[in-house]
Amino acid sequence: MSSADNKVLTLSEVRELADDKNKCIIIIDNNVYDITRFLEEHPGGEEVLKEQHGRDATNAFEDVGHSSDAREQMKAYKIAKLDSNDAKRSRPTVVDNSKGDTRGSSDESGSSWTKWIIPLVIAVAAAAIFKLLSKSGQDISRPPTAI
């Protein structure tokens, strides 16, 4: 058992750690990670990690479908567990963004379901409009005949 398994941090302590802009602190499954050293090694690029700085990144981590090797590798960056009283409240942003830093923003504009549902709705709507506008029994590949 590592010392990170015994150390417990509250959300306010995580917030203090995340205020250091030279670090990248995230929470995944109620565990606190300092992934600063891993930023350049991350196969998906460092920006996706920086977007989660100071946040509970559990959903983003799970949406990607990380391998068991990635989950094993995470253990090296774990610095503490999140206090059980704060674990239920950790989903929102823990970094104060009043200074204009958008890295910890709670806006989930990159939500995985919106990446496929919006194009799907557009495609279905376009198909319905096409179907309604084309007359049944008429060859739509031929130009209309003049009167």
Protein backbone atom coordinates (compact mmCIF):
# COMPACT_ATOMS: atom_id res chain seq x y z
CA MET A 1 0.00 0.00 0.00
CA SER A 2 1.51 3.34 -1.03
CA SER A 3 1.45 6.54 0.99
CA ALA A 4 -1.05 7.94 -1.54
CA ASP A 5 -3.54 5.30 -0.39
CA ASN A 6 -3.28 6.60 3.18
CA LYS A 7 -3.35 10.33 2.38
CA VAL A 8 -6.78 11.97 2.23
CA LEU A 9 -7.44 15.42 0.78
CA THR A 10 -10.54 17.58 1.05
CA LEU A 11 -11.88 19.50 -1.95
CA SER A 12 -10.45 22.72 -0.50
CA GLU A 13 -7.01 21.11 -0.30
CA VAL A 14 -7.35 19.86 -3.89
CA ARG A 15 -8.39 23.40 -4.86
CA GLU A 16 -5.22 24.77 -3.26
CA LEU A 17 -3.09 22.26 -5.17
CA ALA A 18 -4.90 23.07 -8.42
CA ASP A 19 -4.33 26.81 -7.95
CA ASP A 20 -0.66 26.13 -8.76
CA LYS A 21 -0.64 26.67 -12.54
CA ASN A 22 2.61 24.69 -12.84
CA LYS A 23 0.76 21.53 -11.83
CA CYS A 24 -2.04 19.52 -13.38
CA ILE A 25 -4.27 18.02 -10.70
CA ILE A 26 -7.31 15.86 -11.55
CA ILE A 27 -9.74 13.64 -9.68
CA ILE A 28 -10.73 10.24 -11.08
CA ASP A 29 -12.93 7.83 -9.13
CA ASN A 30 -12.43 9.84 -5.92
CA ASN A 31 -8.65 9.59 -6.21
CA VAL A 32 -6.47 12.69 -6.64
CA TYR A 33 -3.71 12.60 -9.26
CA ASP A 34 -0.84 14.97 -10.02
CA ILE A 35 -0.33 14.22 -13.71
CA THR A 36 2.07 17.09 -14.40
CA ARG A 37 4.94 14.74 -15.30
CA PHE A 38 2.66 12.72 -17.60
CA LEU A 39 1.37 15.61 -19.75
CA GLU A 40 3.99 15.25 -22.50
CA GLU A 41 3.71 11.44 -22.53
CA HIS A 42 -0.08 11.26 -22.87
CA PRO A 43 -0.95 9.59 -26.21
CA GLY A 44 -4.01 11.82 -26.64
CA GLY A 45 -1.99 15.00 -26.18
CA GLU A 46 -1.53 17.21 -23.17
CA GLU A 47 -4.42 19.58 -23.99
CA VAL A 48 -7.09 16.99 -23.20
CA LEU A 49 -5.53 16.56 -19.76
CA LYS A 50 -5.15 20.29 -19.17
CA GLU A 51 -8.85 20.75 -19.93
CA GLN A 52 -9.59 18.55 -16.90
CA HIS A 53 -7.20 20.38 -14.54
CA GLY A 54 -8.79 20.87 -11.15
CA ARG A 55 -11.88 18.87 -12.08
CA ASP A 56 -13.38 15.49 -11.48
CA ALA A 57 -12.33 13.85 -14.74
CA THR A 58 -13.99 10.48 -14.08
CA ASN A 59 -16.59 10.79 -16.86
CA ALA A 60 -14.07 12.06 -19.40
CA PHE A 61 -11.66 9.24 -18.48
CA GLU A 62 -14.34 6.56 -18.74
CA ASP A 63 -15.80 7.95 -22.00
CA VAL A 64 -12.47 7.40 -23.75
CA GLY A 65 -12.30 3.75 -22.69
CA HIS A 66 -8.76 3.56 -21.34
CA SER A 67 -6.92 0.24 -21.38
CA SER A 68 -6.01 -1.77 -18.31
CA ASP A 69 -2.39 -0.70 -18.92
CA ALA A 70 -3.43 2.96 -18.70
CA ARG A 71 -5.30 2.27 -15.47
CA GLU A 72 -2.23 0.55 -14.06
CA GLN A 73 0.00 3.44 -15.14
CA MET A 74 -2.26 5.90 -13.28
CA LYS A 75 -1.20 4.49 -9.95
CA ALA A 76 2.21 6.16 -10.26
CA TYR A 77 0.55 9.61 -10.34
CA LYS A 78 -1.91 9.13 -7.47
CA ILE A 79 -1.21 11.51 -4.62
CA ALA A 80 -4.24 10.96 -2.36
CA LYS A 81 -7.82 9.86 -1.96
CA LEU A 82 -10.62 12.41 -1.89
CA ASP A 83 -12.23 12.86 1.51
CA SER A 84 -15.38 10.73 1.69
CA ASN A 85 -17.47 13.77 2.70
CA ASP A 86 -16.35 15.60 -0.44
CA ALA A 87 -16.48 12.58 -2.75
CA LYS A 88 -20.20 13.09 -3.43
CA ARG A 89 -19.64 16.76 -4.28
CA SER A 90 -16.54 16.42 -6.46
CA ARG A 91 -18.27 16.41 -9.87
CA PRO A 92 -18.31 20.19 -10.33
CA THR A 93 -15.23 22.29 -10.93
CA VAL A 94 -12.93 22.60 -7.94
CA VAL A 95 -10.76 25.40 -9.35
CA ASP A 96 -11.90 29.00 -8.95
CA ASN A 97 -12.08 30.34 -12.50
CA SER A 98 -12.77 33.93 -11.55
CA LYS A 99 -9.31 34.82 -12.86
CA GLY A 100 -10.36 33.87 -16.40
CA ASP A 101 -8.66 30.46 -16.53
CA THR A 102 -10.86 28.17 -18.59
CA ARG A 103 -9.00 24.93 -17.92
CA GLY A 104 -11.30 23.93 -15.05
CA SER A 105 -14.52 25.15 -16.56
CA SER A 106 -17.53 23.01 -15.75
CA ASP A 107 -18.92 23.46 -19.26
CA GLU A 108 -18.95 20.04 -20.86
CA SER A 109 -19.02 21.22 -24.45
CA GLY A 110 -16.98 18.18 -25.44
CA SER A 111 -19.54 15.76 -24.13
CA SER A 112 -19.30 12.48 -26.01
CA TRP A 113 -23.01 12.01 -26.78
CA THR A 114 -23.32 15.40 -28.48
CA LYS A 115 -20.60 14.44 -30.91
CA TRP A 116 -22.88 11.86 -32.54
CA ILE A 117 -26.45 12.80 -31.62
CA ILE A 118 -26.45 16.22 -33.30
CA PRO A 119 -25.23 14.93 -36.68
CA LEU A 120 -27.69 12.03 -36.39
CA VAL A 121 -30.63 14.39 -35.80
CA ILE A 122 -29.55 16.54 -38.74
CA ALA A 123 -29.27 13.50 -41.03
CA VAL A 124 -32.70 12.18 -40.00
CA ALA A 125 -34.28 15.62 -40.49
CA ALA A 126 -32.68 15.98 -43.94
CA ALA A 127 -33.92 12.52 -44.97
CA ALA A 128 -37.45 13.33 -43.75
CA ILE A 129 -37.53 16.63 -45.61
CA PHE A 130 -36.24 14.98 -48.79
CA LYS A 131 -38.87 12.26 -48.51
CA LEU A 132 -41.68 14.78 -47.96
CA LEU A 133 -40.62 17.01 -50.83
CA SER A 134 -40.14 14.29 -53.40
CA LYS A 135 -43.35 13.10 -55.04
CA SER A 136 -44.05 9.41 -54.88
CA GLY A 137 -43.91 7.57 -58.19
CA GLN A 138 -41.92 10.29 -59.93
CA ASP A 139 -38.34 9.73 -61.03
CA ILE A 140 -36.37 12.37 -59.15
CA SER A 141 -33.23 11.80 -61.22
CA ARG A 142 -35.01 13.29 -64.34
CA PRO A 143 -35.43 17.03 -64.60
CA PRO A 144 -39.05 18.27 -64.57
CA THR A 145 -40.79 18.61 -67.93
CA ALA A 146 -42.00 22.01 -69.11
CA ILE A 147 -45.71 22.67 -69.37
